[in-house]
Structures are given as C-alpha cells and as structure tokens.
Amino acid sequence: MPPFAPSALASALHEDSHASLLDLVQQRLSCVLGPRYTVILAASGDNASHYHLAIQHSQSGLSLEDNGSIGPGCAERLLALGGQVKAMLESQTFARMGSDDPTRPLVWLSDMADSAGD
C-alpha cells in the first residue's frame, strides 16, 4: 500500500508546493505515530526547499528533530524515520533504560537498518 492516496500525492507534486507535500506527510506521520506523539513538520529555507521535523513523545518527554532538503524520496524517508522513532520509544529496551534496574542499558546503539533496536 502506498504511503499516500495516489491522487493526493499527485496533486501536491503537481502544484509544486512543498508545503502541500509536507502537510500530507505530517498528517500521515500523526496517524502512524498516534496520539502519544506530537508531530510538527514545516518548510524552511529559500523557496521552502528544506524541511524541519520535530516529533515529541508525550509519555517520556523526549523529542527528535531532523532537517534536510525536500526532494525525491523525502516523504518516504520521513515516514520511515517516524516508524523507527516509534519502534524505539515503544520498545522494551527503551522502557528498561528508564528503570532502576542495575542491568539496564545506559545508551542506545543501533544500526539504522535495525529499526526495532532490540
């Protein structure tokens, strides 16, 4: 299943409006991540050629920020990043990091390909 309805993505790309594309991505990220996350995605830079993403996890108070160029594959990359963030923050490993268990992990080390982190 594509990350967006084909007509919505085609309209955003046809309008050549990065803001429209980022609005669609922000809506999708909010749906994918759910109510425990706050997602802010905005265009910046000359001719809105860059994005700034902020994802905050309400339970832990942790947040992730990312920025980069808006171009081919940007929407898919941001959706994948959102999935990785959710997998990490909702993992058992992350829950153990905040505990008083003396065997808890103190840092998170993960290969980008390993989005689960466990």
N, C-alpha and C. Protein backbone atom coordinates (compact mmCIF):
# COMPACT_ATOMS: atom_id res chain seq x y z
N MET A 1 0.84 -1.17 0.00
CA MET A 1 0.00 0.00 0.00
C MET A 1 0.89 1.24 0.00
N PRO A 2 0.65 2.18 -0.91
CA PRO A 2 1.48 3.38 -0.93
C PRO A 2 1.23 4.23 0.32
N PRO A 3 2.21 5.04 0.72
CA PRO A 3 2.04 5.83 1.93
C PRO A 3 0.96 6.90 1.82
N PHE A 4 0.54 7.25 0.61
CA PHE A 4 -0.49 8.28 0.40
C PHE A 4 -1.44 7.81 -0.68
N ALA A 5 -2.65 8.37 -0.66
CA ALA A 5 -3.57 8.14 -1.77
C ALA A 5 -2.91 8.73 -3.01
N PRO A 6 -2.84 7.98 -4.12
CA PRO A 6 -2.13 8.47 -5.31
C PRO A 6 -2.60 9.85 -5.77
N SER A 7 -3.89 10.12 -5.68
CA SER A 7 -4.38 11.42 -6.15
C SER A 7 -3.90 12.57 -5.26
N ALA A 8 -3.83 12.35 -3.95
CA ALA A 8 -3.37 13.40 -3.04
C ALA A 8 -1.90 13.72 -3.27
N LEU A 9 -1.08 12.68 -3.41
CA LEU A 9 0.34 12.90 -3.64
C LEU A 9 0.57 13.55 -5.00
N ALA A 10 -0.15 13.08 -6.02
CA ALA A 10 -0.01 13.66 -7.35
C ALA A 10 -0.40 15.13 -7.35
N SER A 11 -1.46 15.47 -6.63
CA SER A 11 -1.89 16.88 -6.55
C SER A 11 -0.82 17.73 -5.88
N ALA A 12 -0.26 17.24 -4.79
CA ALA A 12 0.76 18.01 -4.07
C ALA A 12 2.00 18.20 -4.93
N LEU A 13 2.38 17.17 -5.66
CA LEU A 13 3.56 17.28 -6.51
C LEU A 13 3.28 18.15 -7.73
N HIS A 14 2.06 18.03 -8.29
CA HIS A 14 1.69 18.81 -9.46
C HIS A 14 1.66 20.30 -9.13
N GLU A 15 1.17 20.63 -7.95
CA GLU A 15 1.13 22.03 -7.52
C GLU A 15 2.53 22.58 -7.30
N ASP A 16 3.52 21.70 -7.26
CA ASP A 16 4.89 22.08 -6.98
C ASP A 16 4.98 22.87 -5.68
N SER A 17 4.16 22.48 -4.74
CA SER A 17 4.13 23.15 -3.45
C SER A 17 4.68 22.22 -2.40
N HIS A 18 5.87 22.55 -1.92
CA HIS A 18 6.46 21.72 -0.87
C HIS A 18 5.60 21.75 0.39
N ALA A 19 4.94 22.88 0.64
CA ALA A 19 4.09 22.97 1.83
C ALA A 19 2.96 21.96 1.76
N SER A 20 2.36 21.76 0.59
CA SER A 20 1.28 20.77 0.45
C SER A 20 1.80 19.36 0.71
N LEU A 21 2.96 19.06 0.16
CA LEU A 21 3.56 17.75 0.38
C LEU A 21 3.86 17.54 1.85
N LEU A 22 4.44 18.54 2.50
CA LEU A 22 4.78 18.40 3.92
C LEU A 22 3.52 18.29 4.78
N ASP A 23 2.45 18.96 4.40
CA ASP A 23 1.18 18.81 5.13
C ASP A 23 0.70 17.37 5.07
N LEU A 24 0.78 16.76 3.88
CA LEU A 24 0.37 15.35 3.74
C LEU A 24 1.25 14.44 4.59
N VAL A 25 2.55 14.68 4.57
CA VAL A 25 3.48 13.85 5.35
C VAL A 25 3.21 14.03 6.84
N GLN A 26 2.98 15.26 7.28
CA GLN A 26 2.69 15.49 8.70
C GLN A 26 1.41 14.77 9.12
N GLN A 27 0.38 14.84 8.29
CA GLN A 27 -0.87 14.14 8.61
C GLN A 27 -0.64 12.64 8.71
N ARG A 28 0.12 12.08 7.76
CA ARG A 28 0.38 10.64 7.77
C ARG A 28 1.21 10.25 8.98
N LEU A 29 2.24 11.03 9.30
CA LEU A 29 3.06 10.74 10.48
C LEU A 29 2.21 10.77 11.75
N SER A 30 1.33 11.74 11.86
CA SER A 30 0.46 11.83 13.04
C SER A 30 -0.42 10.60 13.16
N CYS A 31 -0.94 10.12 12.03
CA CYS A 31 -1.78 8.91 12.04
C CYS A 31 -0.96 7.67 12.40
N VAL A 32 0.22 7.56 11.82
CA VAL A 32 1.07 6.39 12.05
C VAL A 32 1.56 6.35 13.50
N LEU A 33 1.97 7.49 14.03
CA LEU A 33 2.53 7.53 15.38
C LEU A 33 1.47 7.46 16.46
N GLY A 34 0.33 8.07 16.24
CA GLY A 34 -0.75 8.00 17.22
C GLY A 34 -0.76 9.18 18.17
N PRO A 35 -1.70 9.13 19.13
CA PRO A 35 -1.96 10.29 20.00
C PRO A 35 -0.86 10.58 21.02
N ARG A 36 0.05 9.67 21.26
CA ARG A 36 1.12 9.92 22.24
C ARG A 36 2.26 10.76 21.67
N TYR A 37 2.15 11.10 20.40
CA TYR A 37 3.22 11.84 19.72
C TYR A 37 2.68 13.16 19.17
N THR A 38 3.50 14.18 19.25
CA THR A 38 3.21 15.46 18.61
C THR A 38 4.18 15.61 17.44
N VAL A 39 3.63 15.86 16.26
CA VAL A 39 4.44 15.97 15.05
C VAL A 39 4.32 17.38 14.48
N ILE A 40 5.45 18.01 14.25
CA ILE A 40 5.48 19.31 13.59
C ILE A 40 6.45 19.19 12.42
N LEU A 41 5.96 19.50 11.23
CA LEU A 41 6.77 19.43 10.01
C LEU A 41 6.52 20.70 9.22
N ALA A 42 7.57 21.45 8.95
CA ALA A 42 7.42 22.73 8.27
C ALA A 42 8.52 22.92 7.23
N ALA A 43 8.21 23.72 6.24
CA ALA A 43 9.17 24.07 5.20
C ALA A 43 9.98 25.28 5.66
N SER A 44 11.22 25.35 5.21
CA SER A 44 12.07 26.49 5.53
C SER A 44 13.09 26.67 4.42
N GLY A 45 13.84 27.70 4.50
CA GLY A 45 14.89 27.95 3.52
C GLY A 45 14.38 28.71 2.32
N ASP A 46 15.28 28.98 1.40
CA ASP A 46 14.92 29.69 0.17
C ASP A 46 13.93 28.86 -0.63
N ASN A 47 12.84 29.49 -1.00
CA ASN A 47 11.78 28.83 -1.77
C ASN A 47 11.27 27.58 -1.07
N ALA A 48 11.33 27.56 0.24
CA ALA A 48 10.88 26.41 1.04
C ALA A 48 11.48 25.12 0.51
N SER A 49 12.79 25.11 0.34
CA SER A 49 13.46 23.94 -0.22
C SER A 49 13.94 22.96 0.84
N HIS A 50 13.74 23.29 2.09
CA HIS A 50 14.16 22.43 3.19
C HIS A 50 13.00 22.20 4.14
N TYR A 51 13.12 21.16 4.95
CA TYR A 51 12.10 20.86 5.95
C TYR A 51 12.73 20.84 7.33
N HIS A 52 11.90 21.00 8.32
CA HIS A 52 12.31 20.82 9.72
C HIS A 52 11.23 19.96 10.37
N LEU A 53 11.62 18.83 10.93
CA LEU A 53 10.70 17.88 11.56
C LEU A 53 10.99 17.82 13.05
N ALA A 54 9.95 17.87 13.85
CA ALA A 54 10.07 17.66 15.30
C ALA A 54 9.00 16.65 15.71
N ILE A 55 9.41 15.61 16.40
CA ILE A 55 8.49 14.59 16.93
C ILE A 55 8.72 14.54 18.43
N GLN A 56 7.66 14.73 19.20
CA GLN A 56 7.77 14.66 20.66
C GLN A 56 6.90 13.53 21.18
N HIS A 57 7.48 12.75 22.09
CA HIS A 57 6.79 11.62 22.73
C HIS A 57 6.27 12.12 24.07
N SER A 58 4.95 12.17 24.22
CA SER A 58 4.36 12.78 25.42
C SER A 58 4.64 12.00 26.70
N GLN A 59 4.75 10.68 26.62
CA GLN A 59 4.99 9.89 27.83
C GLN A 59 6.37 10.12 28.42
N SER A 60 7.38 10.15 27.57
CA SER A 60 8.75 10.28 28.07
C SER A 60 9.24 11.73 28.04
N GLY A 61 8.60 12.57 27.25
CA GLY A 61 9.06 13.94 27.09
C GLY A 61 10.22 14.08 26.12
N LEU A 62 10.67 12.97 25.57
CA LEU A 62 11.78 13.02 24.62
C LEU A 62 11.29 13.52 23.27
N SER A 63 12.20 14.15 22.56
CA SER A 63 11.86 14.61 21.22
C SER A 63 13.01 14.35 20.27
N LEU A 64 12.65 14.26 19.00
CA LEU A 64 13.62 14.06 17.94
C LEU A 64 13.41 15.19 16.95
N GLU A 65 14.51 15.74 16.46
CA GLU A 65 14.41 16.76 15.42
C GLU A 65 15.28 16.34 14.26
N ASP A 66 14.82 16.67 13.06
CA ASP A 66 15.54 16.35 11.83
C ASP A 66 15.29 17.48 10.85
N ASN A 67 16.23 17.71 9.97
CA ASN A 67 16.02 18.67 8.90
C ASN A 67 16.80 18.23 7.68
N GLY A 68 16.39 18.72 6.53
CA GLY A 68 17.07 18.35 5.30
C GLY A 68 16.39 18.96 4.10
N SER A 69 16.85 18.56 2.94
CA SER A 69 16.30 19.06 1.69
C SER A 69 15.03 18.33 1.32
N ILE A 70 14.11 19.06 0.70
CA ILE A 70 12.89 18.45 0.17
C ILE A 70 13.20 18.04 -1.26
N GLY A 71 13.10 16.76 -1.52
CA GLY A 71 13.39 16.26 -2.86
C GLY A 71 12.81 14.87 -3.03
N PRO A 72 13.20 14.20 -4.10
CA PRO A 72 12.70 12.85 -4.35
C PRO A 72 12.99 11.93 -3.17
N GLY A 73 12.00 11.19 -2.76
CA GLY A 73 12.15 10.23 -1.67
C GLY A 73 12.05 10.84 -0.28
N CYS A 74 11.88 12.14 -0.19
CA CYS A 74 11.82 12.81 1.11
C CYS A 74 10.64 12.30 1.94
N ALA A 75 9.47 12.19 1.34
CA ALA A 75 8.28 11.75 2.08
C ALA A 75 8.48 10.35 2.63
N GLU A 76 8.99 9.45 1.81
CA GLU A 76 9.21 8.07 2.25
C GLU A 76 10.25 8.00 3.36
N ARG A 77 11.30 8.82 3.25
CA ARG A 77 12.35 8.83 4.28
C ARG A 77 11.80 9.33 5.61
N LEU A 78 10.97 10.37 5.57
CA LEU A 78 10.40 10.91 6.81
C LEU A 78 9.43 9.91 7.45
N LEU A 79 8.66 9.21 6.63
CA LEU A 79 7.75 8.19 7.17
C LEU A 79 8.53 7.04 7.79
N ALA A 80 9.62 6.64 7.14
CA ALA A 80 10.46 5.57 7.70
C ALA A 80 11.09 6.03 9.01
N LEU A 81 11.53 7.27 9.07
CA LEU A 81 12.12 7.82 10.30
C LEU A 81 11.09 7.81 11.42
N GLY A 82 9.86 8.21 11.11
CA GLY A 82 8.79 8.17 12.11
C GLY A 82 8.56 6.77 12.64
N GLY A 83 8.58 5.78 11.75
CA GLY A 83 8.43 4.39 12.17
C GLY A 83 9.56 3.93 13.07
N GLN A 84 10.78 4.35 12.76
CA GLN A 84 11.93 4.00 13.58
C GLN A 84 11.84 4.62 14.97
N VAL A 85 11.41 5.88 15.01
CA VAL A 85 11.26 6.57 16.30
C VAL A 85 10.23 5.85 17.16
N LYS A 86 9.09 5.52 16.56
CA LYS A 86 8.03 4.84 17.32
C LYS A 86 8.51 3.48 17.82
N ALA A 87 9.17 2.71 16.95
CA ALA A 87 9.67 1.39 17.34
C ALA A 87 10.65 1.51 18.50
N MET A 88 11.52 2.50 18.45
CA MET A 88 12.50 2.67 19.52
C MET A 88 11.82 3.08 20.83
N LEU A 89 10.97 4.10 20.78
CA LEU A 89 10.39 4.63 22.01
C LEU A 89 9.38 3.68 22.65
N GLU A 90 8.82 2.76 21.88
CA GLU A 90 7.85 1.82 22.43
C GLU A 90 8.45 0.43 22.66
N SER A 91 9.77 0.33 22.56
CA SER A 91 10.44 -0.96 22.74
C SER A 91 10.67 -1.28 24.22
N GLN A 92 10.86 -2.54 24.51
CA GLN A 92 11.19 -2.98 25.86
C GLN A 92 12.55 -2.45 26.28
N THR A 93 13.47 -2.37 25.34
CA THR A 93 14.80 -1.85 25.64
C THR A 93 14.72 -0.42 26.14
N PHE A 94 13.93 0.40 25.47
CA PHE A 94 13.79 1.80 25.89
C PHE A 94 13.13 1.88 27.26
N ALA A 95 12.13 1.04 27.51
CA ALA A 95 11.47 1.03 28.82
C ALA A 95 12.46 0.67 29.92
N ARG A 96 13.34 -0.28 29.64
CA ARG A 96 14.35 -0.68 30.63
C ARG A 96 15.35 0.44 30.89
N MET A 97 15.64 1.26 29.89
CA MET A 97 16.61 2.34 30.06
C MET A 97 16.16 3.33 31.13
N GLY A 98 14.86 3.52 31.29
CA GLY A 98 14.34 4.46 32.27
C GLY A 98 14.08 3.86 33.63
N SER A 99 14.42 2.59 33.79
CA SER A 99 14.15 1.92 35.07
C SER A 99 15.34 2.05 36.02
N ASP A 100 15.17 1.52 37.22
CA ASP A 100 16.25 1.50 38.21
C ASP A 100 17.03 0.19 38.18
N ASP A 101 16.71 -0.68 37.24
CA ASP A 101 17.37 -1.97 37.11
C ASP A 101 18.87 -1.76 36.87
N PRO A 102 19.72 -2.35 37.72
CA PRO A 102 21.17 -2.15 37.55
C PRO A 102 21.71 -2.72 36.24
N THR A 103 20.96 -3.61 35.59
CA THR A 103 21.42 -4.18 34.32
C THR A 103 20.84 -3.44 33.11
N ARG A 104 20.18 -2.31 33.35
CA ARG A 104 19.55 -1.57 32.25
C ARG A 104 20.63 -1.01 31.31
N PRO A 105 20.28 -0.89 30.03
CA PRO A 105 21.22 -0.26 29.10
C PRO A 105 21.30 1.24 29.39
N LEU A 106 22.48 1.81 29.27
CA LEU A 106 22.66 3.23 29.54
C LEU A 106 22.63 4.07 28.26
N VAL A 107 22.90 3.44 27.14
CA VAL A 107 22.88 4.14 25.85
C VAL A 107 22.16 3.29 24.83
N TRP A 108 21.70 3.93 23.79
CA TRP A 108 21.03 3.23 22.69
C TRP A 108 21.98 3.19 21.51
N LEU A 109 22.41 1.99 21.14
CA LEU A 109 23.25 1.81 19.96
C LEU A 109 22.48 0.93 19.00
N SER A 110 22.29 1.42 17.80
CA SER A 110 21.51 0.66 16.84
C SER A 110 21.96 0.99 15.43
N ASP A 111 21.98 -0.02 14.61
CA ASP A 111 22.21 0.17 13.19
C ASP A 111 20.94 0.76 12.59
N MET A 112 21.05 1.69 11.66
CA MET A 112 19.86 2.31 11.05
C MET A 112 18.94 1.26 10.43
N ALA A 113 19.48 0.15 9.96
CA ALA A 113 18.66 -0.89 9.36
C ALA A 113 17.84 -1.63 10.41
N ASP A 114 18.26 -1.55 11.66
CA ASP A 114 17.57 -2.24 12.75
C ASP A 114 16.65 -1.25 13.45
N SER A 115 15.44 -1.05 12.91
CA SER A 115 14.55 -0.04 13.46
C SER A 115 13.92 -0.46 14.78
N ALA A 116 13.91 -1.74 15.09
CA ALA A 116 13.32 -2.19 16.34
C ALA A 116 14.25 -1.92 17.52
N GLY A 117 15.55 -1.99 17.27
CA GLY A 117 16.52 -1.68 18.31
C GLY A 117 16.66 -2.74 19.38
N ASP A 118 15.95 -3.82 19.28
CA ASP A 118 16.04 -4.88 20.29
C ASP A 118 16.94 -5.99 19.82
